[in-house]
Amino acid sequence: MCYADTVTNDDGTATAFCYCGWSADHATPEAADTDAERHQTAADAAESALAA
């Protein structure tokens, strides 16, 4: 299970990251939030498929 989060950088950009090691830089905090949610949802879906 992934737990993604974001951090806003001093220059106004943002980084989405996860404890699994995934990360991605974005121009805005909103874009980082969207990508973090996408990453976490995709990981949850993959785990559900494996459990089925």
C-alpha atoms as a PDB file:
ATOM      1  CA  MET A   1       0.000   0.000   0.000  1.00  0.00           C
ATOM      2  CA  CYS A   2       1.331   3.392  -0.950  1.00  0.00           C
ATOM      3  CA  TYR A   3       0.930   6.568   1.048  1.00  0.00           C
ATOM      4  CA  ALA A   4       1.687   9.523  -1.218  1.00  0.00           C
ATOM      5  CA  ASP A   5       2.104  13.099  -0.030  1.00  0.00           C
ATOM      6  CA  THR A   6       3.387  16.423  -1.319  1.00  0.00           C
ATOM      7  CA  VAL A   7       5.757  19.170  -0.258  1.00  0.00           C
ATOM      8  CA  THR A   8       5.840  22.740  -1.578  1.00  0.00           C
ATOM      9  CA  ASN A   9       9.332  23.926  -2.425  1.00  0.00           C
ATOM     10  CA  ASP A  10      10.725  27.410  -1.701  1.00  0.00           C
ATOM     11  CA  ASP A  11      10.442  28.397  -5.372  1.00  0.00           C
ATOM     12  CA  GLY A  12       6.694  27.612  -5.497  1.00  0.00           C
ATOM     13  CA  THR A  13       7.057  24.294  -7.266  1.00  0.00           C
ATOM     14  CA  ALA A  14       5.983  21.112  -5.509  1.00  0.00           C
ATOM     15  CA  THR A  15       7.134  17.528  -5.197  1.00  0.00           C
ATOM     16  CA  ALA A  16       4.836  14.535  -4.909  1.00  0.00           C
ATOM     17  CA  PHE A  17       6.439  11.576  -3.151  1.00  0.00           C
ATOM     18  CA  CYS A  18       5.713   8.200  -1.604  1.00  0.00           C
ATOM     19  CA  TYR A  19       7.434   5.974   0.920  1.00  0.00           C
ATOM     20  CA  CYS A  20       7.822   3.353  -1.834  1.00  0.00           C
ATOM     21  CA  GLY A  21      10.444   5.602  -3.426  1.00  0.00           C
ATOM     22  CA  TRP A  22       8.346   7.199  -6.161  1.00  0.00           C
ATOM     23  CA  SER A  23       8.590  10.976  -6.568  1.00  0.00           C
ATOM     24  CA  ALA A  24       7.756  13.584  -9.190  1.00  0.00           C
ATOM     25  CA  ASP A  25       8.358  17.331  -9.415  1.00  0.00           C
ATOM     26  CA  HIS A  26       5.547  19.648 -10.517  1.00  0.00           C
ATOM     27  CA  ALA A  27       5.110  23.314 -11.364  1.00  0.00           C
ATOM     28  CA  THR A  28       2.271  23.783  -8.849  1.00  0.00           C
ATOM     29  CA  PRO A  29       1.135  22.253  -5.567  1.00  0.00           C
ATOM     30  CA  GLU A  30      -2.207  21.417  -7.189  1.00  0.00           C
ATOM     31  CA  ALA A  31      -0.503  19.356  -9.890  1.00  0.00           C
ATOM     32  CA  ALA A  32       1.551  17.554  -7.256  1.00  0.00           C
ATOM     33  CA  ASP A  33      -1.603  16.784  -5.248  1.00  0.00           C
ATOM     34  CA  THR A  34      -3.291  15.349  -8.326  1.00  0.00           C
ATOM     35  CA  ASP A  35      -0.285  13.191  -9.162  1.00  0.00           C
ATOM     36  CA  ALA A  36       0.080  11.959  -5.567  1.00  0.00           C
ATOM     37  CA  GLU A  37      -3.584  10.945  -5.547  1.00  0.00           C
ATOM     38  CA  ARG A  38      -3.159   9.212  -8.924  1.00  0.00           C
ATOM     39  CA  HIS A  39      -0.120   7.303  -7.671  1.00  0.00           C
ATOM     40  CA  GLN A  40      -1.838   6.165  -4.487  1.00  0.00           C
ATOM     41  CA  THR A  41      -5.039   5.154  -6.312  1.00  0.00           C
ATOM     42  CA  ALA A  42      -3.096   3.204  -8.948  1.00  0.00           C
ATOM     43  CA  ALA A  43      -1.134   1.347  -6.266  1.00  0.00           C
ATOM     44  CA  ASP A  44      -4.333   0.492  -4.397  1.00  0.00           C
ATOM     45  CA  ALA A  45      -5.950  -0.799  -7.600  1.00  0.00           C
ATOM     46  CA  ALA A  46      -2.928  -2.963  -8.399  1.00  0.00           C
ATOM     47  CA  GLU A  47      -2.965  -4.478  -4.928  1.00  0.00           C
ATOM     48  CA  SER A  48      -6.692  -5.183  -5.169  1.00  0.00           C
ATOM     49  CA  ALA A  49      -6.197  -6.970  -8.479  1.00  0.00           C
ATOM     50  CA  LEU A  50      -3.471  -9.153  -6.986  1.00  0.00           C
ATOM     51  CA  ALA A  51      -5.644 -10.059  -4.016  1.00  0.00           C
ATOM     52  CA  ALA A  52      -8.568 -11.135  -6.219  1.00  0.00           C
END
